[in-house]
Amino acid sequence: MPYYLRFRGKVFGPFDEEQLKEMKTKRNINKNSDISENKIDWFPAYNLEFLFAPPSSASSVASSSASSDRSYEPTQQLEWFYSIDGIEGFGPVTRTIIVQLIQTGTLHAHSFVWQEGQNAVPICSVKPFDEFFHTVSPPLSQKMRSRSTNFKFWDELPTSIKRVVSLCAIAVVVIIVGNIVFAVINNLNLATLKDSLFQSINYVISLGDPKSSETLENAISKAESSVAVIKGIKGHGTGFLIKSGILVTNKHVIDDQILELSTVYFPSSDKENRKTYKPTLLYKDSELDLAFLKIETDLPALPIVENHKFRRGEEVVAIGNSGVGKNVMEVAVNKGILSSETSINNHIFYQLGISVNAGNSGGPAINQTGQAIGIITLKASSEKGIEGIAFCIRGDDILKSLEAMEKLAENNKKINSSLHRARVTLKWIAEVDLLYRSYMNKYVIALYEANQQGIEIRDSLNKVREETKKDIDKIQYFFSIETEKEINNVTNDTNLSENTRRKIKSYYETCKEEKKFIDNPLVKVRNKETAEIIKHKRELEEKCESLLTPLLKEFGILRSEIDN
């Protein structure tokens, strides 16, 4: 049975049970996630017994009777919204679902509920839910009564003010701890740490200003139509238009992608421009981890701030395409601040107080005016040995790299594109080659053991075949018609030297010989023929290695990049 997941107003799916279990394991689903079987009736994920074991309490018995029918009383309207631990946006659901959430302890007296177009209010003040909270409390001691009276002013504050104050208090604590940890890691002095703390706290205090929120919404609205999804066979990333028809992204986003087999699209553009584009590589800047792609589009470019001055605590928004399994959360936004400047490989990067993942790589970090101050990169994090911290390449560095690209002759740009395609194609062949070598070793060991032990060789080989079949099936796409076409393009590309093309072609053909060895292993019984098989396997390995080693050196590919 297919299931659908609703997240921040967007519907994803369909998913089967195994996919939902995997998403729960990765914490992409919790017990309160909205699930549907028909995209109409929605219910919390904890009603799926294969995801969450049913509770054993008496209250769960009462709720189970309500959840036994997935329609949740179809006569009721989907009219209620609710929040859990400050996270808004769950709903709409029926009154029965709200009751069920109260009985299971998910919603408490001060959880907020509301209906379309109304303000959020504590659930204990809403009929008919208030009856679930009319319990008699034990008498308070005089001391506790006095303490309760002292905090009466808090209860009388408007809900919106209490929520802002609570969130700011939490944010201040998080920022203080985060700055101290970062200072220890980077050996910052006390004066720098003090300055960082005061600027960050001033930023948090300003969060309650509604004008700030409106300004950011306008900035995001201006920028999002220029943000693209770059999707290839081996994954996806983000990019944005820096000039008309020129897309900038991280180099590592495209490093393992044959661009001719990749697509680019702009999820937030108008309907007329919401189509796929084929990218062409113009230039790669390895030092800054930047790549510039050409696409045929008239969509507006995202302006970059020139001579941006770093201000610790400045509010920024990262826009990117996060991943949930095989799905892409398109043009997702994360708000945070500029935390610090740091030097990595002799280049200055901004460190951001924003949580991002690999799918955000190549996306813009924008300010309150909707201009890009930099480009998100996770590669800097890994090189500095810090996980979970986002960095961005400064706008001025991006513009310098763009200027270097524009100075290139058109022929050099074509050569860059050819070299990239040849390099990625070589890496693909090498990955398959090394995998096939390991499988050939397994077949030869099976032949040797069968002869030594006097058992049926065919049975021994079939056992190995079953063990390796799953992995072999995964790489069969390499020998697809599309890939064969791309390899032919590489070997016929006159921007590459004739010697290079010949070696790549020879290497690919030898790899296909390995494939024949795997697909049809020889199963003769006599020792002499087994020895011949071992000799043939060794010859294939030696030939592949003799072709691979000089090619890796020529294209600057490390052995660690292709070892699985």
Protein backbone atom coordinates (compact mmCIF):
# COMPACT_ATOMS: atom_id res chain seq x y z
CA MET A 1 0.00 0.00 0.00
CA PRO A 2 1.47 3.44 -0.91
CA TYR A 3 1.88 6.14 1.72
CA TYR A 4 2.42 9.89 1.37
CA LEU A 5 4.37 12.27 3.66
CA ARG A 6 3.45 15.93 4.17
CA PHE A 7 6.23 18.27 5.30
CA ARG A 8 5.94 22.07 5.50
CA GLY A 9 2.89 22.03 3.26
CA LYS A 10 4.52 19.90 0.53
CA VAL A 11 3.47 16.32 -0.23
CA PHE A 12 6.11 13.65 -0.99
CA GLY A 13 5.70 10.07 -2.11
CA PRO A 14 4.46 7.53 -2.70
CA PHE A 15 6.56 5.42 -0.29
CA ASP A 16 6.26 1.77 0.67
CA GLU A 17 6.66 0.41 4.21
CA GLU A 18 10.39 -0.28 3.84
CA GLN A 19 11.07 3.26 2.64
CA LEU A 20 9.14 4.71 5.59
CA LYS A 21 11.13 2.53 8.00
CA GLU A 22 14.38 3.75 6.46
CA MET A 23 13.22 7.39 6.76
CA LYS A 24 12.33 6.81 10.42
CA THR A 25 15.80 5.31 11.04
CA LYS A 26 17.37 8.45 9.52
CA ARG A 27 15.06 10.59 11.72
CA ASN A 28 13.31 12.10 8.73
CA ILE A 29 10.01 10.89 10.23
CA ASN A 30 8.84 11.16 13.83
CA LYS A 31 5.68 9.90 15.50
CA ASN A 32 3.84 13.16 14.73
CA SER A 33 4.70 13.37 11.01
CA ASP A 34 1.65 13.70 8.75
CA ILE A 35 0.93 10.51 6.76
CA SER A 36 -1.82 9.75 4.23
CA GLU A 37 -2.88 6.87 2.01
CA ASN A 38 -4.87 9.03 -0.41
CA LYS A 39 -3.50 12.61 -0.01
CA ILE A 40 -6.87 13.62 1.51
CA ASP A 41 -7.12 12.07 4.98
CA TRP A 42 -4.04 12.71 7.10
CA PHE A 43 -3.02 11.08 10.37
CA PRO A 44 0.04 11.02 12.67
CA ALA A 45 2.74 8.48 11.83
CA TYR A 46 2.45 6.77 15.22
CA ASN A 47 -0.78 5.13 13.95
CA LEU A 48 1.33 2.96 11.62
CA GLU A 49 2.12 -0.09 13.76
CA PHE A 50 5.00 -1.18 11.51
CA LEU A 51 6.71 2.16 12.33
CA PHE A 52 5.75 2.74 15.96
CA ALA A 53 4.65 -0.04 18.35
CA PRO A 54 1.22 0.77 19.84
CA PRO A 55 1.38 2.05 23.46
CA SER A 56 0.20 -0.29 26.22
CA SER A 57 -1.37 2.33 28.50
CA ALA A 58 -5.09 2.61 29.13
CA SER A 59 -5.17 5.83 27.19
CA SER A 60 -3.78 4.11 24.13
CA VAL A 61 -6.55 1.54 24.32
CA ALA A 62 -9.04 4.37 24.15
CA SER A 63 -7.20 5.99 21.26
CA SER A 64 -6.79 2.73 19.35
CA SER A 65 -10.52 2.42 18.95
CA ALA A 66 -10.55 5.86 17.39
CA SER A 67 -7.65 5.03 15.07
CA SER A 68 -8.92 1.62 13.95
CA ASP A 69 -10.67 3.34 11.06
CA ARG A 70 -8.19 5.44 9.06
CA SER A 71 -10.95 7.84 8.00
CA TYR A 72 -11.13 9.25 11.59
CA GLU A 73 -14.89 9.86 11.57
CA PRO A 74 -15.38 11.05 7.99
CA THR A 75 -18.33 13.18 9.09
CA GLN A 76 -15.93 15.48 10.96
CA GLN A 77 -14.13 18.26 9.13
CA LEU A 78 -10.37 18.67 8.87
CA GLU A 79 -10.42 21.99 10.72
CA TRP A 80 -7.82 21.90 13.50
CA PHE A 81 -4.11 22.80 13.43
CA TYR A 82 -1.68 22.22 16.30
CA SER A 83 1.93 22.72 17.39
CA ILE A 84 4.26 20.36 19.27
CA ASP A 85 7.17 21.71 21.32
CA GLY A 86 7.07 25.00 19.44
CA ILE A 87 7.07 23.39 15.98
CA GLU A 88 4.09 24.70 14.00
CA GLY A 89 2.34 23.53 10.91
CA PHE A 90 0.73 20.18 11.83
CA GLY A 91 -2.72 19.77 10.36
CA PRO A 92 -5.42 20.18 9.35
CA VAL A 93 -6.86 17.25 11.34
CA THR A 94 -10.23 16.31 12.86
CA ARG A 95 -11.36 16.89 16.43
CA THR A 96 -10.95 13.15 17.11
CA ILE A 97 -7.25 13.34 16.22
CA ILE A 98 -6.74 16.22 18.68
CA VAL A 99 -8.45 14.19 21.43
CA GLN A 100 -6.27 11.21 20.58
CA LEU A 101 -3.11 13.34 20.83
CA ILE A 102 -4.23 14.59 24.27
CA GLN A 103 -4.90 11.04 25.51
CA THR A 104 -1.47 9.81 24.40
CA GLY A 105 0.27 12.74 26.10
CA THR A 106 1.51 14.29 22.83
CA LEU A 107 -0.46 17.48 23.49
CA HIS A 108 -0.53 18.99 26.99
CA ALA A 109 -2.52 21.81 28.61
CA HIS A 110 -0.32 24.57 27.18
CA SER A 111 0.07 23.16 23.67
CA PHE A 112 -1.33 25.51 21.03
CA VAL A 113 -4.23 24.76 18.67
CA TRP A 114 -6.06 26.93 16.16
CA GLN A 115 -8.46 26.90 13.22
CA GLU A 116 -7.95 28.40 9.79
CA GLY A 117 -7.65 32.21 10.03
CA GLN A 118 -7.60 32.28 13.85
CA ASN A 119 -4.87 32.90 16.42
CA ALA A 120 -3.19 30.04 18.23
CA VAL A 121 -4.40 29.56 21.83
CA PRO A 122 -3.60 27.07 24.64
CA ILE A 123 -5.63 23.91 24.17
CA CYS A 124 -6.80 23.95 27.81
CA SER A 125 -8.89 27.07 27.03
CA VAL A 126 -10.65 25.63 23.98
CA LYS A 127 -13.95 23.77 24.08
CA PRO A 128 -14.49 20.83 23.90
CA PHE A 129 -10.85 19.98 24.76
CA ASP A 130 -10.78 21.89 28.07
CA GLU A 131 -12.66 19.07 29.85
CA PHE A 132 -9.57 16.83 29.55
CA PHE A 133 -7.56 19.23 31.73
CA HIS A 134 -10.07 19.92 34.55
CA THR A 135 -8.25 17.88 37.16
CA VAL A 136 -8.04 18.64 40.88
CA SER A 137 -4.53 19.55 41.96
CA PRO A 138 -3.26 18.76 45.46
CA PRO A 139 -3.18 21.80 47.76
CA LEU A 140 -0.04 23.88 47.52
CA SER A 141 2.05 24.70 50.55
CA GLN A 142 2.12 28.33 51.55
CA LYS A 143 5.62 28.65 50.14
CA MET A 144 4.58 27.25 46.76
CA ARG A 145 1.48 29.48 46.67
CA SER A 146 3.71 32.51 47.23
CA ARG A 147 6.07 31.34 44.48
CA SER A 148 3.16 30.79 42.10
CA THR A 149 1.86 34.30 42.79
CA ASN A 150 5.25 35.82 42.04
CA PHE A 151 5.14 34.39 38.50
CA LYS A 152 1.53 35.33 37.85
CA PHE A 153 2.66 38.18 35.57
CA TRP A 154 4.13 35.58 33.16
CA ASP A 155 0.77 33.84 32.72
CA GLU A 156 -0.88 37.19 31.99
CA LEU A 157 1.50 38.03 29.15
CA PRO A 158 0.20 37.62 25.57
CA THR A 159 1.05 34.26 24.04
CA SER A 160 3.08 35.81 21.20
CA ILE A 161 5.36 37.68 23.65
CA LYS A 162 5.91 34.57 25.79
CA ARG A 163 6.88 32.54 22.74
CA VAL A 164 9.36 35.18 21.49
CA VAL A 165 10.96 35.55 24.93
CA SER A 166 11.26 31.77 25.34
CA LEU A 167 12.83 31.29 21.92
CA CYS A 168 15.26 34.17 22.44
CA ALA A 169 16.32 32.74 25.82
CA ILE A 170 17.01 29.34 24.27
CA ALA A 171 18.87 30.93 21.34
CA VAL A 172 21.07 32.99 23.68
CA VAL A 173 22.09 29.87 25.61
CA VAL A 174 22.83 27.96 22.38
CA ILE A 175 24.89 30.84 20.96
CA ILE A 176 26.92 31.27 24.15
CA VAL A 177 27.79 27.57 24.25
CA GLY A 178 28.44 27.47 20.48
CA ASN A 179 30.77 30.48 20.57
CA ILE A 180 32.73 29.06 23.49
CA VAL A 181 33.17 25.71 21.70
CA PHE A 182 34.20 27.42 18.46
CA ALA A 183 36.64 29.66 20.37
CA VAL A 184 38.29 26.63 21.97
CA ILE A 185 38.57 24.84 18.61
CA ASN A 186 40.06 27.88 16.84
CA ASN A 187 42.17 29.20 19.76
CA LEU A 188 40.39 32.57 19.83
CA ASN A 189 41.37 35.03 22.57
CA LEU A 190 38.92 36.28 25.22
CA ALA A 191 38.44 39.70 23.59
CA THR A 192 37.40 38.14 20.28
CA LEU A 193 35.09 35.72 22.09
CA LYS A 194 33.49 38.57 24.07
CA ASP A 195 32.89 40.58 20.88
CA SER A 196 31.38 37.53 19.16
CA LEU A 197 29.01 36.86 22.07
CA PHE A 198 27.70 40.44 22.34
CA GLN A 199 27.06 40.75 18.60
CA SER A 200 25.35 37.35 18.44
CA ILE A 201 23.11 38.13 21.45
CA ASN A 202 22.14 41.51 19.98
CA TYR A 203 21.12 39.65 16.84
CA VAL A 204 18.90 37.25 18.81
CA ILE A 205 17.20 40.14 20.65
CA SER A 206 16.32 41.65 17.26
CA LEU A 207 14.52 38.47 16.19
CA GLY A 208 11.29 39.63 17.81
CA ASP A 209 11.04 42.56 15.41
CA PRO A 210 8.26 41.74 12.88
CA LYS A 211 9.89 44.08 10.34
CA SER A 212 12.96 41.83 10.29
CA SER A 213 10.80 38.81 9.43
CA GLU A 214 9.01 40.70 6.64
CA THR A 215 12.34 41.88 5.20
CA LEU A 216 13.68 38.33 5.05
CA GLU A 217 10.52 37.04 3.40
CA ASN A 218 10.89 39.67 0.67
CA ALA A 219 14.58 38.80 0.26
CA ILE A 220 13.82 35.09 -0.14
CA SER A 221 11.04 35.87 -2.62
CA LYS A 222 13.47 37.88 -4.76
CA ALA A 223 16.22 35.26 -4.70
CA GLU A 224 14.50 31.87 -4.93
CA SER A 225 13.65 31.95 -8.64
CA SER A 226 17.39 32.10 -9.43
CA VAL A 227 18.21 28.97 -7.38
CA ALA A 228 18.53 25.68 -9.30
CA VAL A 229 18.61 21.95 -8.63
CA ILE A 230 21.56 20.20 -10.32
CA LYS A 231 20.62 16.54 -10.66
CA GLY A 232 22.92 13.84 -11.98
CA ILE A 233 23.20 10.04 -11.93
CA LYS A 234 25.29 10.11 -8.76
CA GLY A 235 23.35 12.66 -6.70
CA HIS A 236 22.18 16.25 -6.60
CA GLY A 237 23.27 19.68 -5.45
CA THR A 238 22.40 23.35 -5.70
CA GLY A 239 23.48 26.24 -7.91
CA PHE A 240 22.30 29.76 -8.68
CA LEU A 241 22.44 32.16 -11.62
CA ILE A 242 25.29 34.64 -11.21
CA LYS A 243 24.85 36.17 -14.68
CA SER A 244 22.40 35.66 -17.51
CA GLY A 245 22.82 32.06 -18.63
CA ILE A 246 25.69 31.33 -16.19
CA LEU A 247 25.19 29.12 -13.16
CA VAL A 248 27.67 28.92 -10.27
CA THR A 249 27.96 25.91 -7.94
CA ASN A 250 30.57 24.00 -5.97
CA LYS A 251 33.15 22.08 -7.98
CA HIS A 252 32.61 18.99 -5.81
CA VAL A 253 28.90 18.98 -6.76
CA ILE A 254 29.79 18.11 -10.38
CA ASP A 255 33.12 16.33 -9.83
CA ASP A 256 31.62 12.84 -10.32
CA GLN A 257 28.87 13.80 -12.77
CA ILE A 258 28.90 13.51 -16.54
CA LEU A 259 27.11 16.80 -17.24
CA GLU A 260 25.71 15.56 -20.53
CA LEU A 261 23.70 13.04 -18.45
CA SER A 262 22.68 15.66 -15.84
CA THR A 263 19.80 18.15 -15.73
CA VAL A 264 19.25 21.59 -14.21
CA TYR A 265 15.86 23.05 -13.26
CA PHE A 266 14.51 26.01 -11.25
CA PRO A 267 11.70 24.86 -8.91
CA SER A 268 10.56 28.37 -7.90
CA SER A 269 10.58 29.96 -11.35
CA ASP A 270 7.40 30.87 -13.21
CA LYS A 271 5.56 28.13 -15.08
CA GLU A 272 7.06 29.10 -18.45
CA ASN A 273 10.64 28.56 -17.20
CA ARG A 274 9.96 25.49 -15.06
CA LYS A 275 11.67 23.07 -17.44
CA THR A 276 14.92 21.12 -17.52
CA TYR A 277 18.15 22.47 -18.99
CA LYS A 278 21.33 20.73 -20.12
CA PRO A 279 24.43 22.28 -18.52
CA THR A 280 27.82 22.80 -20.16
CA LEU A 281 30.97 23.30 -18.11
CA LEU A 282 32.81 26.60 -18.67
CA TYR A 283 35.36 26.75 -15.85
CA LYS A 284 36.44 25.05 -12.61
CA ASP A 285 38.30 26.75 -9.76
CA SER A 286 39.82 23.92 -7.72
CA GLU A 287 41.27 26.17 -5.01
CA LEU A 288 37.92 27.77 -4.14
CA ASP A 289 35.79 24.72 -5.00
CA LEU A 290 33.79 26.63 -7.64
CA ALA A 291 32.38 25.64 -11.02
CA PHE A 292 30.61 27.73 -13.66
CA LEU A 293 28.04 26.16 -15.97
CA LYS A 294 26.35 27.50 -19.07
CA ILE A 295 22.60 27.01 -19.58
CA GLU A 296 20.18 28.52 -22.09
CA THR A 297 17.75 30.56 -19.94
CA ASP A 298 16.50 34.14 -19.57
CA LEU A 299 15.83 33.84 -15.84
CA PRO A 300 17.20 36.72 -13.73
CA ALA A 301 20.57 36.43 -12.02
CA LEU A 302 21.02 36.73 -8.26
CA PRO A 303 23.11 39.85 -7.52
CA ILE A 304 26.26 39.39 -5.41
CA VAL A 305 27.34 41.92 -2.79
CA GLU A 306 30.63 43.52 -3.82
CA ASN A 307 33.17 44.45 -1.12
CA HIS A 308 31.02 42.87 1.56
CA LYS A 309 32.26 43.71 5.06
CA PHE A 310 31.99 40.91 7.58
CA ARG A 311 29.70 41.75 10.51
CA ARG A 312 29.51 39.11 13.19
CA GLY A 313 25.84 38.44 13.96
CA GLU A 314 24.54 39.62 10.56
CA GLU A 315 21.37 37.77 9.66
CA VAL A 316 21.65 35.50 6.61
CA VAL A 317 19.54 32.84 4.88
CA ALA A 318 20.88 29.74 3.14
CA ILE A 319 18.82 28.47 0.20
CA GLY A 320 19.39 24.94 -1.07
CA ASN A 321 17.97 21.56 -1.99
CA SER A 322 18.06 19.23 0.98
CA GLY A 323 17.67 15.47 0.49
CA VAL A 324 15.27 12.96 2.08
CA GLY A 325 16.18 9.54 0.65
CA LYS A 326 15.64 9.77 -3.10
CA ASN A 327 13.45 12.87 -2.71
CA VAL A 328 14.68 16.44 -2.90
CA MET A 329 13.34 19.15 -0.57
CA GLU A 330 13.51 21.85 -3.21
CA VAL A 331 14.51 25.44 -2.39
CA ALA A 332 14.50 24.87 1.37
CA VAL A 333 15.56 27.88 3.47
CA ASN A 334 17.52 27.99 6.74
CA LYS A 335 18.00 31.19 8.72
CA GLY A 336 21.04 32.00 10.85
CA ILE A 337 23.89 34.43 11.36
CA LEU A 338 27.45 35.12 10.31
CA SER A 339 29.48 33.65 13.15
CA SER A 340 33.13 33.98 12.24
CA GLU A 341 35.79 34.34 9.57
CA THR A 342 38.36 31.57 9.19
CA SER A 343 41.29 30.78 6.89
CA ILE A 344 41.28 27.47 4.99
CA ASN A 345 44.03 26.72 2.45
CA ASN A 346 45.00 30.42 2.43
CA HIS A 347 41.47 31.57 1.59
CA ILE A 348 39.03 33.38 3.90
CA PHE A 349 35.65 31.69 4.44
CA TYR A 350 32.61 32.81 6.43
CA GLN A 351 31.47 30.39 9.11
CA LEU A 352 27.66 30.37 9.39
CA GLY A 353 25.42 29.60 12.33
CA ILE A 354 23.16 27.50 10.10
CA SER A 355 22.51 23.78 9.88
CA VAL A 356 22.87 22.50 6.29
CA ASN A 357 23.47 19.15 4.59
CA ALA A 358 25.20 17.96 1.43
CA GLY A 359 22.26 18.88 -0.83
CA ASN A 360 22.71 22.55 0.10
CA SER A 361 26.23 22.66 -1.40
CA GLY A 362 26.40 25.32 -4.11
CA GLY A 363 23.41 27.30 -2.83
CA PRO A 364 23.52 31.04 -2.02
CA ALA A 365 23.77 32.66 1.40
CA ILE A 366 21.70 35.86 1.08
CA ASN A 367 21.30 38.96 3.24
CA GLN A 368 18.15 40.93 4.09
CA THR A 369 18.17 42.71 0.72
CA GLY A 370 18.06 39.46 -1.25
CA GLN A 371 21.68 39.69 -2.45
CA ALA A 372 24.18 36.85 -2.19
CA ILE A 373 27.09 37.37 0.19
CA GLY A 374 28.55 33.96 -0.66
CA ILE A 375 28.00 30.35 -1.71
CA ILE A 376 27.47 27.47 0.73
CA THR A 377 30.14 24.77 0.78
CA LEU A 378 30.51 21.74 3.02
CA LYS A 379 33.89 20.84 1.54
CA ALA A 380 35.53 23.51 3.70
CA SER A 381 34.05 21.87 6.78
CA SER A 382 35.60 18.50 5.99
CA GLU A 383 39.00 20.02 5.17
CA LYS A 384 39.05 21.88 8.49
CA GLY A 385 38.03 18.71 10.33
CA ILE A 386 34.80 20.23 11.68
CA GLU A 387 31.53 18.43 11.01
CA GLY A 388 28.10 20.06 11.28
CA ILE A 389 29.39 23.61 10.67
CA ALA A 390 28.51 25.41 7.44
CA PHE A 391 30.94 27.66 5.59
CA CYS A 392 30.45 29.91 2.61
CA ILE A 393 32.82 31.19 -0.06
CA ARG A 394 32.81 35.00 -0.03
CA GLY A 395 31.09 36.94 -2.80
CA ASP A 396 34.27 38.84 -3.76
CA ASP A 397 36.12 35.55 -4.30
CA ILE A 398 33.26 34.30 -6.50
CA LEU A 399 33.42 37.47 -8.62
CA LYS A 400 37.21 37.14 -9.02
CA SER A 401 36.80 33.55 -10.19
CA LEU A 402 34.03 34.66 -12.59
CA GLU A 403 36.36 37.32 -14.01
CA ALA A 404 39.06 34.68 -14.58
CA MET A 405 36.52 32.51 -16.41
CA GLU A 406 35.41 35.37 -18.66
CA LYS A 407 39.01 36.05 -19.69
CA LEU A 408 39.33 32.51 -21.08
CA ALA A 409 39.14 32.05 -24.81
CA GLU A 410 36.08 30.14 -26.04
CA ASN A 411 38.28 27.28 -27.20
CA ASN A 412 39.74 26.92 -23.70
CA LYS A 413 36.24 26.69 -22.26
CA LYS A 414 35.48 23.85 -24.68
CA ILE A 415 38.70 22.12 -23.62
CA ASN A 416 37.65 22.46 -19.95
CA SER A 417 34.35 20.77 -20.75
CA SER A 418 36.10 17.96 -22.66
CA LEU A 419 38.64 17.34 -19.90
CA HIS A 420 35.90 17.20 -17.27
CA ARG A 421 33.88 14.65 -19.25
CA ALA A 422 36.97 12.52 -19.88
CA ARG A 423 38.04 12.71 -16.21
CA VAL A 424 34.63 11.64 -14.87
CA THR A 425 34.31 8.89 -17.49
CA LEU A 426 37.74 7.56 -16.51
CA LYS A 427 36.75 7.51 -12.81
CA TRP A 428 33.59 5.56 -13.66
CA ILE A 429 35.56 2.98 -15.68
CA ALA A 430 38.15 2.68 -12.89
CA GLU A 431 35.50 2.12 -10.18
CA VAL A 432 33.95 -0.69 -12.22
CA ASP A 433 37.39 -2.14 -13.05
CA LEU A 434 38.42 -2.42 -9.39
CA LEU A 435 35.08 -3.96 -8.46
CA TYR A 436 35.37 -6.54 -11.24
CA ARG A 437 38.92 -7.42 -10.19
CA SER A 438 37.70 -8.28 -6.69
CA TYR A 439 34.98 -10.50 -8.18
CA MET A 440 37.43 -12.26 -10.48
CA ASN A 441 39.54 -13.08 -7.42
CA LYS A 442 36.50 -14.63 -5.75
CA TYR A 443 35.81 -16.82 -8.80
CA VAL A 444 39.40 -17.99 -8.99
CA ILE A 445 39.44 -18.85 -5.27
CA ALA A 446 36.22 -20.83 -5.77
CA LEU A 447 37.80 -22.77 -8.65
CA TYR A 448 40.94 -23.54 -6.62
CA GLU A 449 39.01 -24.70 -3.54
CA ALA A 450 36.71 -26.88 -5.64
CA ASN A 451 39.67 -28.66 -7.22
CA GLN A 452 41.41 -29.09 -3.87
CA GLN A 453 38.32 -30.42 -2.09
CA GLY A 454 36.98 -32.46 -4.99
CA ILE A 455 33.57 -30.74 -5.03
CA GLU A 456 31.44 -29.73 -8.00
CA ILE A 457 32.96 -26.57 -9.50
CA ARG A 458 29.69 -25.35 -10.98
CA ASP A 459 28.08 -25.29 -7.52
CA SER A 460 31.03 -23.38 -6.08
CA LEU A 461 30.94 -20.77 -8.84
CA ASN A 462 27.16 -20.37 -8.63
CA LYS A 463 27.51 -19.65 -4.92
CA VAL A 464 29.95 -16.84 -5.67
CA ARG A 465 27.68 -15.56 -8.43
CA GLU A 466 24.77 -15.26 -6.00
CA GLU A 467 26.95 -13.42 -3.47
CA THR A 468 28.08 -10.86 -6.03
CA LYS A 469 24.91 -10.57 -8.12
CA LYS A 470 23.39 -7.69 -6.13
CA ASP A 471 26.49 -5.50 -6.46
CA ILE A 472 27.01 -6.40 -10.10
CA ASP A 473 23.43 -5.44 -10.93
CA LYS A 474 24.06 -2.01 -9.37
CA ILE A 475 26.80 -1.20 -11.87
CA GLN A 476 25.14 -2.56 -14.99
CA TYR A 477 23.99 1.02 -15.72
CA PHE A 478 27.63 1.68 -16.59
CA PHE A 479 27.24 -0.48 -19.69
CA SER A 480 23.96 1.18 -20.70
CA ILE A 481 23.44 2.71 -24.14
CA GLU A 482 23.74 6.26 -22.74
CA THR A 483 27.07 5.57 -21.07
CA GLU A 484 28.40 3.77 -24.16
CA LYS A 485 27.44 6.87 -26.13
CA GLU A 486 29.33 9.15 -23.74
CA ILE A 487 32.46 6.97 -23.89
CA ASN A 488 32.31 7.13 -27.67
CA ASN A 489 32.03 10.93 -27.39
CA VAL A 490 35.15 11.00 -25.22
CA THR A 491 37.18 8.74 -27.48
CA ASN A 492 36.17 10.85 -30.51
CA ASP A 493 36.72 14.24 -28.84
CA THR A 494 39.42 16.11 -30.76
CA ASN A 495 39.99 18.46 -27.79
CA LEU A 496 41.81 15.51 -26.21
CA SER A 497 45.10 14.17 -27.49
CA GLU A 498 44.94 11.13 -29.75
CA ASN A 499 47.11 9.16 -27.31
CA THR A 500 44.78 9.92 -24.37
CA ARG A 501 41.70 8.91 -26.35
CA ARG A 502 43.34 5.68 -27.45
CA LYS A 503 44.32 4.73 -23.88
CA ILE A 504 40.82 5.44 -22.50
CA LYS A 505 39.25 3.37 -25.31
CA SER A 506 41.65 0.48 -24.69
CA TYR A 507 41.04 0.63 -20.94
CA TYR A 508 37.26 0.51 -21.43
CA GLU A 509 37.50 -2.45 -23.81
CA THR A 510 39.68 -4.34 -21.30
CA CYS A 511 37.11 -3.63 -18.60
CA LYS A 512 34.46 -5.19 -20.85
CA GLU A 513 36.66 -8.31 -21.05
CA GLU A 514 36.52 -8.45 -17.24
CA LYS A 515 32.74 -8.25 -17.51
CA LYS A 516 32.74 -11.29 -19.81
CA PHE A 517 34.87 -13.16 -17.27
CA ILE A 518 32.31 -12.38 -14.54
CA ASP A 519 29.23 -13.09 -16.68
CA ASN A 520 30.55 -16.41 -18.08
CA PRO A 521 33.26 -17.92 -15.83
CA LEU A 522 34.96 -21.02 -17.22
CA VAL A 523 34.03 -24.09 -15.21
CA LYS A 524 36.41 -26.82 -16.39
CA VAL A 525 37.40 -29.43 -13.84
CA ARG A 526 40.99 -30.32 -14.68
CA ASN A 527 43.82 -28.50 -12.87
CA LYS A 528 45.47 -27.48 -16.12
CA GLU A 529 42.43 -25.55 -17.29
CA THR A 530 42.00 -23.98 -13.87
CA ALA A 531 45.59 -22.75 -14.14
CA GLU A 532 44.77 -21.25 -17.52
CA ILE A 533 41.82 -19.39 -16.00
CA ILE A 534 44.07 -17.97 -13.27
CA LYS A 535 46.58 -16.91 -15.91
CA HIS A 536 43.86 -15.21 -17.98
CA LYS A 537 42.59 -13.36 -14.90
CA ARG A 538 46.11 -12.18 -14.03
CA GLU A 539 46.70 -10.97 -17.60
CA LEU A 540 43.48 -8.93 -17.50
CA GLU A 541 44.47 -7.35 -14.18
CA GLU A 542 47.95 -6.46 -15.36
CA LYS A 543 46.66 -4.95 -18.59
CA CYS A 544 44.06 -2.85 -16.78
CA GLU A 545 46.61 -1.62 -14.25
CA SER A 546 49.14 -0.73 -16.93
CA LEU A 547 46.50 1.43 -18.64
CA LEU A 548 44.97 2.88 -15.46
CA THR A 549 48.10 4.11 -13.64
CA PRO A 550 49.33 6.61 -16.30
CA LEU A 551 45.75 7.83 -16.93
CA LEU A 552 45.23 8.59 -13.22
CA LYS A 553 48.46 10.58 -13.23
CA GLU A 554 47.51 12.44 -16.40
CA PHE A 555 44.12 13.54 -15.03
CA GLY A 556 45.30 14.14 -11.46
CA ILE A 557 43.03 11.51 -9.91
CA LEU A 558 44.05 10.01 -6.57
CA ARG A 559 43.70 6.27 -6.03
CA SER A 560 41.55 7.02 -2.96
CA GLU A 561 38.97 8.70 -5.22
CA ILE A 562 38.19 5.43 -7.01
CA ASP A 563 38.70 2.81 -4.28
CA ASN A 564 35.30 1.58 -3.10
